PDB file of N, CA and C in Angstrom:
ATOM      1  N   UNK A   1      23.825 -19.224 193.324  1.00  0.00           N
ATOM      2  CA  UNK A   1      23.940 -19.888 192.035  1.00  0.00           C
ATOM      3  C   UNK A   1      24.334 -21.344 192.250  1.00  0.00           C
ATOM      4  N   UNK A   2      23.700 -22.199 191.557  1.00  0.00           N
ATOM      5  CA  UNK A   2      23.938 -23.637 191.653  1.00  0.00           C
ATOM      6  C   UNK A   2      25.228 -24.013 190.925  1.00  0.00           C
ATOM      7  N   UNK A   3      25.997 -24.938 191.502  1.00  0.00           N
ATOM      8  CA  UNK A   3      27.267 -25.394 190.890  1.00  0.00           C
ATOM      9  C   UNK A   3      27.049 -26.015 189.517  1.00  0.00           C
ATOM     10  N   UNK A   4      25.932 -26.661 189.313  1.00  0.00           N
ATOM     11  CA  UNK A   4      25.643 -27.256 188.005  1.00  0.00           C
ATOM     12  C   UNK A   4      25.506 -26.201 186.915  1.00  0.00           C
ATOM     13  N   UNK A   5      25.023 -25.013 187.294  1.00  0.00           N
ATOM     14  CA  UNK A   5      24.898 -23.920 186.329  1.00  0.00           C
ATOM     15  C   UNK A   5      26.269 -23.468 185.818  1.00  0.00           C
ATOM     16  N   UNK A   6      27.274 -23.681 186.600  1.00  0.00           N
ATOM     17  CA  UNK A   6      28.646 -23.325 186.211  1.00  0.00           C
ATOM     18  C   UNK A   6      29.368 -24.530 185.609  1.00  0.00           C
ATOM     19  N   UNK A   7      29.203 -25.670 186.220  1.00  0.00           N
ATOM     20  CA  UNK A   7      29.943 -26.867 185.821  1.00  0.00           C
ATOM     21  C   UNK A   7      29.575 -27.374 184.426  1.00  0.00           C
ATOM     22  N   UNK A   8      28.302 -27.403 184.095  1.00  0.00           N
ATOM     23  CA  UNK A   8      27.867 -27.929 182.796  1.00  0.00           C
ATOM     24  C   UNK A   8      28.380 -27.069 181.635  1.00  0.00           C
ATOM     25  N   UNK A   9      28.215 -25.738 181.663  1.00  0.00           N
ATOM     26  CA  UNK A   9      28.759 -24.926 180.559  1.00  0.00           C
ATOM     27  C   UNK A   9      30.294 -25.020 180.462  1.00  0.00           C
ATOM     28  N   UNK A  10      30.944 -25.113 181.609  1.00  0.00           N
ATOM     29  CA  UNK A  10      32.399 -25.238 181.619  1.00  0.00           C
ATOM     30  C   UNK A  10      32.836 -26.562 180.982  1.00  0.00           C
ATOM     31  N   UNK A  11      32.150 -27.642 181.307  1.00  0.00           N
ATOM     32  CA  UNK A  11      32.458 -28.951 180.722  1.00  0.00           C
ATOM     33  C   UNK A  11      32.242 -28.932 179.218  1.00  0.00           C
ATOM     34  N   UNK A  12      31.170 -28.314 178.765  1.00  0.00           N
ATOM     35  CA  UNK A  12      30.897 -28.207 177.324  1.00  0.00           C
ATOM     36  C   UNK A  12      31.960 -27.371 176.620  1.00  0.00           C
ATOM     37  N   UNK A  13      32.352 -26.290 177.247  1.00  0.00           N
ATOM     38  CA  UNK A  13      33.397 -25.434 176.682  1.00  0.00           C
ATOM     39  C   UNK A  13      34.712 -26.196 176.539  1.00  0.00           C
ATOM     40  N   UNK A  14      35.092 -26.937 177.553  1.00  0.00           N
ATOM     41  CA  UNK A  14      36.320 -27.728 177.497  1.00  0.00           C
ATOM     42  C   UNK A  14      36.243 -28.824 176.440  1.00  0.00           C
ATOM     43  N   UNK A  15      35.106 -29.497 176.366  1.00  0.00           N
ATOM     44  CA  UNK A  15      34.930 -30.581 175.393  1.00  0.00           C
ATOM     45  C   UNK A  15      35.050 -30.067 173.962  1.00  0.00           C
ATOM     46  N   UNK A  16      34.297 -29.026 173.634  1.00  0.00           N
ATOM     47  CA  UNK A  16      34.317 -28.497 172.271  1.00  0.00           C
ATOM     48  C   UNK A  16      35.580 -27.686 171.994  1.00  0.00           C
ATOM     49  N   UNK A  17      36.131 -27.069 172.999  1.00  0.00           N
ATOM     50  CA  UNK A  17      37.383 -26.317 172.844  1.00  0.00           C
ATOM     51  C   UNK A  17      38.543 -27.207 172.433  1.00  0.00           C
ATOM     52  N   UNK A  18      38.598 -28.407 172.985  1.00  0.00           N
ATOM     53  CA  UNK A  18      39.662 -29.357 172.628  1.00  0.00           C
ATOM     54  C   UNK A  18      39.603 -29.738 171.165  1.00  0.00           C
ATOM     55  N   UNK A  19      38.409 -29.763 170.591  1.00  0.00           N
ATOM     56  CA  UNK A  19      38.256 -30.144 169.191  1.00  0.00           C
ATOM     57  C   UNK A  19      38.829 -29.076 168.263  1.00  0.00           C
ATOM     58  N   UNK A  20      38.909 -27.838 168.735  1.00  0.00           N
ATOM     59  CA  UNK A  20      39.419 -26.748 167.919  1.00  0.00           C
ATOM     60  C   UNK A  20      40.929 -26.577 168.022  1.00  0.00           C
ATOM     61  N   UNK A  21      41.519 -27.138 169.050  1.00  0.00           N
ATOM     62  CA  UNK A  21      42.964 -27.005 169.237  1.00  0.00           C
ATOM     63  C   UNK A  21      43.724 -27.920 168.288  1.00  0.00           C
ATOM     64  N   UNK A  22      44.912 -27.483 167.844  1.00  0.00           N
ATOM     65  CA  UNK A  22      45.709 -28.361 166.997  1.00  0.00           C
ATOM     66  C   UNK A  22      46.176 -29.594 167.774  1.00  0.00           C
ATOM     67  N   UNK A  23      46.301 -30.701 167.072  1.00  0.00           N
ATOM     68  CA  UNK A  23      46.736 -31.948 167.688  1.00  0.00           C
ATOM     69  C   UNK A  23      48.263 -31.970 167.755  1.00  0.00           C
ATOM     70  N   UNK A  24      48.790 -32.388 168.884  1.00  0.00           N
ATOM     71  CA  UNK A  24      50.244 -32.497 169.024  1.00  0.00           C
ATOM     72  C   UNK A  24      50.777 -33.534 168.058  1.00  0.00           C
ATOM     73  N   UNK A  25      51.945 -33.238 167.506  1.00  0.00           N
ATOM     74  CA  UNK A  25      52.574 -34.194 166.607  1.00  0.00           C
ATOM     75  C   UNK A  25      52.211 -33.985 165.148  1.00  0.00           C
ATOM     76  N   UNK A  26      51.429 -32.965 164.859  1.00  0.00           N
ATOM     77  CA  UNK A  26      51.100 -32.630 163.477  1.00  0.00           C
ATOM     78  C   UNK A  26      51.788 -31.314 163.140  1.00  0.00           C
ATOM     79  N   UNK A  27      52.590 -31.342 162.085  1.00  0.00           N
ATOM     80  CA  UNK A  27      53.324 -30.168 161.652  1.00  0.00           C
ATOM     81  C   UNK A  27      52.529 -29.444 160.573  1.00  0.00           C
ATOM     82  N   UNK A  28      52.536 -28.138 160.619  1.00  0.00           N
ATOM     83  CA  UNK A  28      51.879 -27.327 159.601  1.00  0.00           C
ATOM     84  C   UNK A  28      52.938 -26.607 158.782  1.00  0.00           C
ATOM     85  N   UNK A  29      52.797 -26.658 157.459  1.00  0.00           N
ATOM     86  CA  UNK A  29      53.752 -25.982 156.582  1.00  0.00           C
ATOM     87  C   UNK A  29      53.002 -25.099 155.589  1.00  0.00           C
ATOM     88  N   UNK A  30      53.729 -24.161 155.015  1.00  0.00           N
ATOM     89  CA  UNK A  30      53.175 -23.302 153.970  1.00  0.00           C
ATOM     90  C   UNK A  30      53.360 -23.987 152.620  1.00  0.00           C
ATOM     91  N   UNK A  31      52.729 -23.434 151.610  1.00  0.00           N
ATOM     92  CA  UNK A  31      52.901 -23.996 150.277  1.00  0.00           C
ATOM     93  C   UNK A  31      54.326 -23.770 149.761  1.00  0.00           C
ATOM     94  N   UNK A  32      54.987 -22.730 150.238  1.00  0.00           N
ATOM     95  CA  UNK A  32      56.398 -22.517 149.868  1.00  0.00           C
ATOM     96  C   UNK A  32      57.260 -23.634 150.444  1.00  0.00           C
ATOM     97  N   UNK A  33      57.013 -24.019 151.684  1.00  0.00           N
ATOM     98  CA  UNK A  33      57.749 -25.128 152.297  1.00  0.00           C
ATOM     99  C   UNK A  33      57.400 -26.447 151.618  1.00  0.00           C
ATOM    100  N   UNK A  34      56.171 -26.549 151.110  1.00  0.00           N
ATOM    101  CA  UNK A  34      55.750 -27.763 150.409  1.00  0.00           C
ATOM    102  C   UNK A  34      56.609 -28.017 149.185  1.00  0.00           C
ATOM    103  N   UNK A  35      57.035 -26.974 148.503  1.00  0.00           N
ATOM    104  CA  UNK A  35      57.866 -27.130 147.302  1.00  0.00           C
ATOM    105  C   UNK A  35      59.130 -27.920 147.601  1.00  0.00           C
ATOM    106  N   UNK A  36      59.673 -27.756 148.800  1.00  0.00           N
ATOM    107  CA  UNK A  36      60.853 -28.528 149.211  1.00  0.00           C
ATOM    108  C   UNK A  36      60.475 -29.963 149.570  1.00  0.00           C
ATOM    109  N   UNK A  37      59.345 -30.137 150.237  1.00  0.00           N
ATOM    110  CA  UNK A  37      58.891 -31.478 150.638  1.00  0.00           C
ATOM    111  C   UNK A  37      58.655 -32.369 149.424  1.00  0.00           C
ATOM    112  N   UNK A  38      58.134 -31.772 148.352  1.00  0.00           N
ATOM    113  CA  UNK A  38      57.825 -32.536 147.143  1.00  0.00           C
ATOM    114  C   UNK A  38      59.071 -33.213 146.580  1.00  0.00           C
ATOM    115  N   UNK A  39      60.210 -32.605 146.776  1.00  0.00           N
ATOM    116  CA  UNK A  39      61.478 -33.146 146.266  1.00  0.00           C
ATOM    117  C   UNK A  39      61.936 -34.385 147.037  1.00  0.00           C
ATOM    118  N   UNK A  40      61.413 -34.589 148.249  1.00  0.00           N
ATOM    119  CA  UNK A  40      61.818 -35.701 149.111  1.00  0.00           C
ATOM    120  C   UNK A  40      61.121 -36.987 148.666  1.00  0.00           C
ATOM    121  N   UNK A  41      61.883 -37.956 148.203  1.00  0.00           N
ATOM    122  CA  UNK A  41      61.340 -39.217 147.696  1.00  0.00           C
ATOM    123  C   UNK A  41      60.751 -40.105 148.806  1.00  0.00           C
ATOM    124  N   UNK A  42      61.056 -39.808 150.057  1.00  0.00           N
ATOM    125  CA  UNK A  42      60.612 -40.648 151.171  1.00  0.00           C
ATOM    126  C   UNK A  42      59.303 -40.158 151.795  1.00  0.00           C
ATOM    127  N   UNK A  43      58.728 -39.119 151.243  1.00  0.00           N
ATOM    128  CA  UNK A  43      57.506 -38.532 151.781  1.00  0.00           C
ATOM    129  C   UNK A  43      56.302 -39.028 150.971  1.00  0.00           C
ATOM    130  N   UNK A  44      55.214 -39.318 151.674  1.00  0.00           N
ATOM    131  CA  UNK A  44      53.963 -39.722 151.034  1.00  0.00           C
ATOM    132  C   UNK A  44      53.087 -38.476 150.901  1.00  0.00           C
ATOM    133  N   UNK A  45      52.754 -38.106 149.681  1.00  0.00           N
ATOM    134  CA  UNK A  45      51.985 -36.901 149.402  1.00  0.00           C
ATOM    135  C   UNK A  45      50.542 -37.290 149.096  1.00  0.00           C
ATOM    136  N   UNK A  46      49.614 -36.879 149.970  1.00  0.00           N
ATOM    137  CA  UNK A  46      48.222 -37.305 149.872  1.00  0.00           C
ATOM    138  C   UNK A  46      47.285 -36.098 149.784  1.00  0.00           C
ATOM    139  N   UNK A  47      46.456 -36.087 148.744  1.00  0.00           N
ATOM    140  CA  UNK A  47      45.427 -35.068 148.549  1.00  0.00           C
ATOM    141  C   UNK A  47      44.100 -35.703 148.971  1.00  0.00           C
ATOM    142  N   UNK A  48      43.450 -35.144 149.991  1.00  0.00           N
ATOM    143  CA  UNK A  48      42.237 -35.756 150.547  1.00  0.00           C
ATOM    144  C   UNK A  48      40.942 -35.160 149.987  1.00  0.00           C
ATOM    145  N   UNK A  49      41.040 -34.396 148.912  1.00  0.00           N
ATOM    146  CA  UNK A  49      39.828 -33.860 148.291  1.00  0.00           C
ATOM    147  C   UNK A  49      39.113 -34.949 147.501  1.00  0.00           C
ATOM    148  N   UNK A  50      37.906 -34.662 147.042  1.00  0.00           N
ATOM    149  CA  UNK A  50      37.152 -35.628 146.247  1.00  0.00           C
ATOM    150  C   UNK A  50      37.854 -35.855 144.908  1.00  0.00           C
ATOM    151  N   UNK A  51      37.497 -36.945 144.243  1.00  0.00           N
ATOM    152  CA  UNK A  51      38.084 -37.247 142.937  1.00  0.00           C
ATOM    153  C   UNK A  51      37.832 -36.114 141.943  1.00  0.00           C
ATOM    154  N   UNK A  52      36.630 -35.562 141.955  1.00  0.00           N
ATOM    155  CA  UNK A  52      36.286 -34.470 141.047  1.00  0.00           C
ATOM    156  C   UNK A  52      37.128 -33.232 141.282  1.00  0.00           C
ATOM    157  N   UNK A  53      37.328 -32.869 142.545  1.00  0.00           N
ATOM    158  CA  UNK A  53      38.170 -31.716 142.875  1.00  0.00           C
ATOM    159  C   UNK A  53      39.605 -31.965 142.424  1.00  0.00           C
ATOM    160  N   UNK A  54      40.068 -33.180 142.665  1.00  0.00           N
ATOM    161  CA  UNK A  54      41.440 -33.541 142.316  1.00  0.00           C
ATOM    162  C   UNK A  54      41.647 -33.465 140.804  1.00  0.00           C
ATOM    163  N   UNK A  55      40.693 -33.968 140.038  1.00  0.00           N
ATOM    164  CA  UNK A  55      40.800 -33.931 138.574  1.00  0.00           C
ATOM    165  C   UNK A  55      40.786 -32.496 138.051  1.00  0.00           C
ATOM    166  N   UNK A  56      40.048 -31.630 138.721  1.00  0.00           N
ATOM    167  CA  UNK A  56      39.950 -30.235 138.301  1.00  0.00           C
ATOM    168  C   UNK A  56      41.251 -29.471 138.448  1.00  0.00           C
ATOM    169  N   UNK A  57      41.960 -29.706 139.521  1.00  0.00           N
ATOM    170  CA  UNK A  57      43.244 -29.029 139.784  1.00  0.00           C
ATOM    171  C   UNK A  57      43.989 -29.840 140.818  1.00  0.00           C
ATOM    172  N   UNK A  58      45.245 -30.167 140.507  1.00  0.00           N
ATOM    173  CA  UNK A  58      46.034 -30.929 141.472  1.00  0.00           C
ATOM    174  C   UNK A  58      47.516 -30.662 141.307  1.00  0.00           C
ATOM    175  N   UNK A  59      48.260 -31.154 142.273  1.00  0.00           N
ATOM    176  CA  UNK A  59      49.719 -31.134 142.215  1.00  0.00           C
ATOM    177  C   UNK A  59      50.119 -32.540 141.800  1.00  0.00           C
ATOM    178  N   UNK A  60      50.797 -32.663 140.685  1.00  0.00           N
ATOM    179  CA  UNK A  60      51.005 -33.966 140.041  1.00  0.00           C
ATOM    180  C   UNK A  60      51.661 -35.025 140.919  1.00  0.00           C
ATOM    181  N   UNK A  61      52.491 -34.643 141.848  1.00  0.00           N
ATOM    182  CA  UNK A  61      53.167 -35.634 142.682  1.00  0.00           C
ATOM    183  C   UNK A  61      52.292 -36.170 143.820  1.00  0.00           C
ATOM    184  N   UNK A  62      51.100 -35.598 144.005  1.00  0.00           N
ATOM    185  CA  UNK A  62      50.188 -36.044 145.062  1.00  0.00           C
ATOM    186  C   UNK A  62      49.316 -37.191 144.586  1.00  0.00           C
ATOM    187  N   UNK A  63      49.035 -38.105 145.491  1.00  0.00           N
ATOM    188  CA  UNK A  63      48.098 -39.212 145.259  1.00  0.00           C
ATOM    189  C   UNK A  63      46.752 -38.784 145.833  1.00  0.00           C
ATOM    190  N   UNK A  64      45.676 -39.027 145.099  1.00  0.00           N
ATOM    191  CA  UNK A  64      44.342 -38.684 145.578  1.00  0.00           C
ATOM    192  C   UNK A  64      43.771 -39.820 146.424  1.00  0.00           C
ATOM    193  N   UNK A  65      43.493 -39.505 147.688  1.00  0.00           N
ATOM    194  CA  UNK A  65      42.877 -40.453 148.615  1.00  0.00           C
ATOM    195  C   UNK A  65      41.828 -39.653 149.389  1.00  0.00           C
ATOM    196  N   UNK A  66      40.596 -39.562 148.857  1.00  0.00           N
ATOM    197  CA  UNK A  66      39.568 -38.725 149.487  1.00  0.00           C
ATOM    198  C   UNK A  66      39.370 -39.028 150.974  1.00  0.00           C
ATOM    199  N   UNK A  67      39.094 -37.989 151.731  1.00  0.00           N
ATOM    200  CA  UNK A  67      38.942 -38.105 153.180  1.00  0.00           C
ATOM    201  C   UNK A  67      37.955 -39.194 153.566  1.00  0.00           C
ATOM    202  N   UNK A  68      36.831 -39.291 152.859  1.00  0.00           N
ATOM    203  CA  UNK A  68      35.815 -40.283 153.226  1.00  0.00           C
ATOM    204  C   UNK A  68      36.282 -41.719 152.976  1.00  0.00           C
ATOM    205  N   UNK A  69      37.368 -41.910 152.231  1.00  0.00           N
ATOM    206  CA  UNK A  69      37.913 -43.243 151.978  1.00  0.00           C
ATOM    207  C   UNK A  69      39.182 -43.527 152.779  1.00  0.00           C
ATOM    208  N   UNK A  70      39.742 -42.505 153.380  1.00  0.00           N
ATOM    209  CA  UNK A  70      41.046 -42.622 154.042  1.00  0.00           C
ATOM    210  C   UNK A  70      41.072 -43.724 155.098  1.00  0.00           C
ATOM    211  N   UNK A  71      40.078 -43.792 155.941  1.00  0.00           N
ATOM    212  CA  UNK A  71      40.047 -44.789 157.009  1.00  0.00           C
ATOM    213  C   UNK A  71      40.114 -46.217 156.503  1.00  0.00           C
ATOM    214  N   UNK A  72      39.492 -46.476 155.367  1.00  0.00           N
ATOM    215  CA  UNK A  72      39.481 -47.836 154.823  1.00  0.00           C
ATOM    216  C   UNK A  72      40.688 -48.128 153.934  1.00  0.00           C
ATOM    217  N   UNK A  73      41.519 -47.124 153.666  1.00  0.00           N
ATOM    218  CA  UNK A  73      42.668 -47.321 152.785  1.00  0.00           C
ATOM    219  C   UNK A  73      44.001 -47.020 153.476  1.00  0.00           C
ATOM    220  N   UNK A  74      43.989 -47.079 154.794  1.00  0.00           N
ATOM    221  CA  UNK A  74      45.220 -46.804 155.536  1.00  0.00           C
ATOM    222  C   UNK A  74      46.321 -47.805 155.211  1.00  0.00           C
ATOM    223  N   UNK A  75      45.944 -49.007 154.780  1.00  0.00           N
ATOM    224  CA  UNK A  75      46.939 -50.029 154.449  1.00  0.00           C
ATOM    225  C   UNK A  75      47.754 -49.665 153.208  1.00  0.00           C
ATOM    226  N   UNK A  76      47.339 -48.630 152.464  1.00  0.00           N
ATOM    227  CA  UNK A  76      48.103 -48.183 151.298  1.00  0.00           C
ATOM    228  C   UNK A  76      49.197 -47.191 151.695  1.00  0.00           C
ATOM    229  N   UNK A  77      49.216 -46.799 152.968  1.00  0.00           N
ATOM    230  CA  UNK A  77      50.211 -45.849 153.468  1.00  0.00           C
ATOM    231  C   UNK A  77      51.187 -46.545 154.406  1.00  0.00           C
ATOM    232  N   UNK A  78      52.411 -46.045 154.431  1.00  0.00           N
ATOM    233  CA  UNK A  78      53.452 -46.580 155.305  1.00  0.00           C
ATOM    234  C   UNK A  78      53.524 -45.710 156.558  1.00  0.00           C
ATOM    235  N   UNK A  79      53.128 -46.243 157.720  1.00  0.00           N
ATOM    236  CA  UNK A  79      53.123 -45.428 158.944  1.00  0.00           C
ATOM    237  C   UNK A  79      54.520 -45.000 159.416  1.00  0.00           C
ATOM    238  N   UNK A  80      55.566 -45.605 158.879  1.00  0.00           N
ATOM    239  CA  UNK A  80      56.921 -45.224 159.281  1.00  0.00           C
ATOM    240  C   UNK A  80      57.459 -44.041 158.473  1.00  0.00           C
ATOM    241  N   UNK A  81      56.760 -43.663 157.404  1.00  0.00           N
ATOM    242  CA  UNK A  81      57.188 -42.540 156.573  1.00  0.00           C
ATOM    243  C   UNK A  81      56.305 -41.327 156.828  1.00  0.00           C
ATOM    244  N   UNK A  82      56.867 -40.166 156.574  1.00  0.00           N
ATOM    245  CA  UNK A  82      56.106 -38.925 156.726  1.00  0.00           C
ATOM    246  C   UNK A  82      54.964 -38.882 155.709  1.00  0.00           C
ATOM    247  N   UNK A  83      53.805 -38.395 156.159  1.00  0.00           N
ATOM    248  CA  UNK A  83      52.648 -38.192 155.294  1.00  0.00           C
ATOM    249  C   UNK A  83      52.374 -36.692 155.234  1.00  0.00           C
ATOM    250  N   UNK A  84      52.351 -36.146 154.026  1.00  0.00           N
ATOM    251  CA  UNK A  84      52.018 -34.740 153.821  1.00  0.00           C
ATOM    252  C   UNK A  84      50.615 -34.690 153.231  1.00  0.00           C
ATOM    253  N   UNK A  85      49.734 -33.961 153.885  1.00  0.00           N
ATOM    254  CA  UNK A  85      48.320 -33.897 153.507  1.00  0.00           C
ATOM    255  C   UNK A  85      47.943 -32.523 152.967  1.00  0.00           C
ATOM    256  N   UNK A  86      47.092 -32.534 151.945  1.00  0.00           N
ATOM    257  CA  UNK A  86      46.572 -31.277 151.396  1.00  0.00           C
ATOM    258  C   UNK A  86      45.109 -31.483 151.023  1.00  0.00           C
ATOM    259  N   UNK A  87      44.345 -30.403 151.066  1.00  0.00           N
ATOM    260  CA  UNK A  87      42.951 -30.404 150.595  1.00  0.00           C
ATOM    261  C   UNK A  87      42.712 -29.050 149.934  1.00  0.00           C
ATOM    262  N   UNK A  88      41.479 -28.603 149.889  1.00  0.00           N
ATOM    263  CA  UNK A  88      41.180 -27.330 149.239  1.00  0.00           C
ATOM    264  C   UNK A  88      41.667 -26.146 150.074  1.00  0.00           C
ATOM    265  N   UNK A  89      41.375 -26.173 151.390  1.00  0.00           N
ATOM    266  CA  UNK A  89      41.711 -25.021 152.232  1.00  0.00           C
ATOM    267  C   UNK A  89      42.512 -25.377 153.485  1.00  0.00           C
ATOM    268  N   UNK A  90      42.597 -26.639 153.816  1.00  0.00           N
ATOM    269  CA  UNK A  90      43.313 -27.068 155.015  1.00  0.00           C
ATOM    270  C   UNK A  90      42.427 -27.699 156.070  1.00  0.00           C
ATOM    271  N   UNK A  91      41.113 -27.610 155.911  1.00  0.00           N
ATOM    272  CA  UNK A  91      40.198 -28.154 156.915  1.00  0.00           C
ATOM    273  C   UNK A  91      40.103 -29.682 156.851  1.00  0.00           C
ATOM    274  N   UNK A  92      39.855 -30.220 155.674  1.00  0.00           N
ATOM    275  CA  UNK A  92      39.743 -31.683 155.540  1.00  0.00           C
ATOM    276  C   UNK A  92      41.076 -32.359 155.809  1.00  0.00           C
ATOM    277  N   UNK A  93      42.168 -31.722 155.391  1.00  0.00           N
ATOM    278  CA  UNK A  93      43.475 -32.325 155.653  1.00  0.00           C
ATOM    279  C   UNK A  93      43.782 -32.310 157.147  1.00  0.00           C
ATOM    280  N   UNK A  94      43.251 -31.338 157.885  1.00  0.00           N
ATOM    281  CA  UNK A  94      43.397 -31.339 159.348  1.00  0.00           C
ATOM    282  C   UNK A  94      42.655 -32.525 159.951  1.00  0.00           C
ATOM    283  N   UNK A  95      41.461 -32.805 159.441  1.00  0.00           N
ATOM    284  CA  UNK A  95      40.699 -33.972 159.910  1.00  0.00           C
ATOM    285  C   UNK A  95      41.450 -35.257 159.580  1.00  0.00           C
ATOM    286  N   UNK A  96      42.007 -35.307 158.379  1.00  0.00           N
ATOM    287  CA  UNK A  96      42.775 -36.489 157.964  1.00  0.00           C
ATOM    288  C   UNK A  96      43.996 -36.670 158.859  1.00  0.00           C
ATOM    289  N   UNK A  97      44.659 -35.574 159.206  1.00  0.00           N
ATOM    290  CA  UNK A  97      45.834 -35.635 160.071  1.00  0.00           C
ATOM    291  C   UNK A  97      45.473 -36.189 161.445  1.00  0.00           C
ATOM    292  N   UNK A  98      44.352 -35.750 161.986  1.00  0.00           N
ATOM    293  CA  UNK A  98      43.899 -36.258 163.288  1.00  0.00           C
ATOM    294  C   UNK A  98      43.603 -37.751 163.213  1.00  0.00           C
ATOM    295  N   UNK A  99      42.992 -38.184 162.120  1.00  0.00           N
ATOM    296  CA  UNK A  99      42.703 -39.610 161.930  1.00  0.00           C
ATOM    297  C   UNK A  99      43.995 -40.417 161.875  1.00  0.00           C
ATOM    298  N   UNK A 100      44.956 -39.951 161.105  1.00  0.00           N
ATOM    299  CA  UNK A 100      46.241 -40.663 161.001  1.00  0.00           C
ATOM    300  C   UNK A 100      46.948 -40.714 162.354  1.00  0.00           C
ATOM    301  N   UNK A 101      46.882 -39.627 163.089  1.00  0.00           N
ATOM    302  CA  UNK A 101      47.500 -39.578 164.424  1.00  0.00           C
ATOM    303  C   UNK A 101      46.880 -40.639 165.334  1.00  0.00           C
ATOM    304  N   UNK A 102      45.557 -40.748 165.312  1.00  0.00           N
ATOM    305  CA  UNK A 102      44.861 -41.748 166.129  1.00  0.00           C
ATOM    306  C   UNK A 102      45.227 -43.174 165.715  1.00  0.00           C
ATOM    307  N   UNK A 103      45.563 -43.353 164.442  1.00  0.00           N
ATOM    308  CA  UNK A 103      45.896 -44.681 163.925  1.00  0.00           C
ATOM    309  C   UNK A 103      47.377 -45.009 164.064  1.00  0.00           C
ATOM    310  N   UNK A 104      48.131 -44.147 164.732  1.00  0.00           N
ATOM    311  CA  UNK A 104      49.520 -44.465 165.048  1.00  0.00           C
ATOM    312  C   UNK A 104      50.574 -43.883 164.134  1.00  0.00           C
ATOM    313  N   UNK A 105      50.193 -43.079 163.170  1.00  0.00           N
ATOM    314  CA  UNK A 105      51.183 -42.438 162.306  1.00  0.00           C
ATOM    315  C   UNK A 105      51.921 -41.384 163.132  1.00  0.00           C
ATOM    316  N   UNK A 106      53.217 -41.271 162.926  1.00  0.00           N
ATOM    317  CA  UNK A 106      54.031 -40.377 163.752  1.00  0.00           C
ATOM    318  C   UNK A 106      54.423 -39.084 163.041  1.00  0.00           C
ATOM    319  N   UNK A 107      54.702 -39.167 161.753  1.00  0.00           N
ATOM    320  CA  UNK A 107      55.190 -38.000 161.001  1.00  0.00           C
ATOM    321  C   UNK A 107      54.090 -37.525 160.059  1.00  0.00           C
ATOM    322  N   UNK A 108      53.339 -36.525 160.524  1.00  0.00           N
ATOM    323  CA  UNK A 108      52.198 -36.029 159.769  1.00  0.00           C
ATOM    324  C   UNK A 108      52.366 -34.527 159.556  1.00  0.00           C
ATOM    325  N   UNK A 109      52.216 -34.113 158.300  1.00  0.00           N
ATOM    326  CA  UNK A 109      52.350 -32.707 157.953  1.00  0.00           C
ATOM    327  C   UNK A 109      51.115 -32.267 157.188  1.00  0.00           C
ATOM    328  N   UNK A 110      50.585 -31.105 157.563  1.00  0.00           N
ATOM    329  CA  UNK A 110      49.408 -30.550 156.909  1.00  0.00           C
ATOM    330  C   UNK A 110      49.802 -29.252 156.208  1.00  0.00           C
ATOM    331  N   UNK A 111      49.342 -29.077 154.973  1.00  0.00           N
ATOM    332  CA  UNK A 111      49.643 -27.868 154.215  1.00  0.00           C
ATOM    333  C   UNK A 111      48.600 -26.801 154.536  1.00  0.00           C
ATOM    334  N   UNK A 112      49.025 -25.743 155.186  1.00  0.00           N
ATOM    335  CA  UNK A 112      48.133 -24.639 155.557  1.00  0.00           C
ATOM    336  C   UNK A 112      47.631 -23.927 154.303  1.00  0.00           C
ATOM    337  N   UNK A 113      46.345 -23.673 154.267  1.00  0.00           N
ATOM    338  CA  UNK A 113      45.759 -22.972 153.132  1.00  0.00           C
ATOM    339  C   UNK A 113      45.404 -23.871 151.971  1.00  0.00           C
ATOM    340  N   UNK A 114      45.898 -25.097 151.979  1.00  0.00           N
ATOM    341  CA  UNK A 114      45.561 -26.080 150.958  1.00  0.00           C
ATOM    342  C   UNK A 114      45.901 -25.670 149.540  1.00  0.00           C
ATOM    343  N   UNK A 115      45.216 -26.292 148.608  1.00  0.00           N
ATOM    344  CA  UNK A 115      45.459 -26.033 147.179  1.00  0.00           C
ATOM    345  C   UNK A 115      45.115 -24.588 146.821  1.00  0.00           C
ATOM    346  N   UNK A 116      44.231 -23.958 147.610  1.00  0.00           N
ATOM    347  CA  UNK A 116      43.895 -22.540 147.370  1.00  0.00           C
ATOM    348  C   UNK A 116      45.128 -21.651 147.480  1.00  0.00           C
ATOM    349  N   UNK A 117      46.071 -22.025 148.327  1.00  0.00           N
ATOM    350  CA  UNK A 117      47.268 -21.218 148.552  1.00  0.00           C
ATOM    351  C   UNK A 117      48.425 -21.609 147.617  1.00  0.00           C
ATOM    352  N   UNK A 118      48.253 -22.677 146.858  1.00  0.00           N
ATOM    353  CA  UNK A 118      49.336 -23.212 146.009  1.00  0.00           C
ATOM    354  C   UNK A 118      49.562 -22.321 144.781  1.00  0.00           C
ATOM    355  N   UNK A 119      50.796 -21.966 144.585  1.00  0.00           N
ATOM    356  CA  UNK A 119      51.212 -21.224 143.399  1.00  0.00           C
ATOM    357  C   UNK A 119      52.407 -21.943 142.809  1.00  0.00           C
ATOM    358  N   UNK A 120      52.122 -23.032 142.115  1.00  0.00           N
ATOM    359  CA  UNK A 120      53.226 -23.851 141.622  1.00  0.00           C
ATOM    360  C   UNK A 120      53.228 -24.012 140.136  1.00  0.00           C
TER     361      UNK A 120
END
């Protein structure tokens, strides 16, 4: 068996596998834990769903900053303060968390299950 037959699939597995792993420095919380976070005046609460989704159902203390606009609106966030992210199910907020991490934000929290799990 040729080494390339082993090396190429292994490299692909490692490359794509890393994309599925959680990023270090991102905290995950439940919606029950979110109820406590909402009370903290020093936390930035960001909903990364579309404007239409946000208008349909939202948590009033959250600011709507859709994922597709987040990169161009980072100047509206304070990188020294914690950012709590939510979306519909937790997938888009995970992407947003990775983006913030790459841009130097240190305190990033993602709500597991998103607005689907919210009972508030």
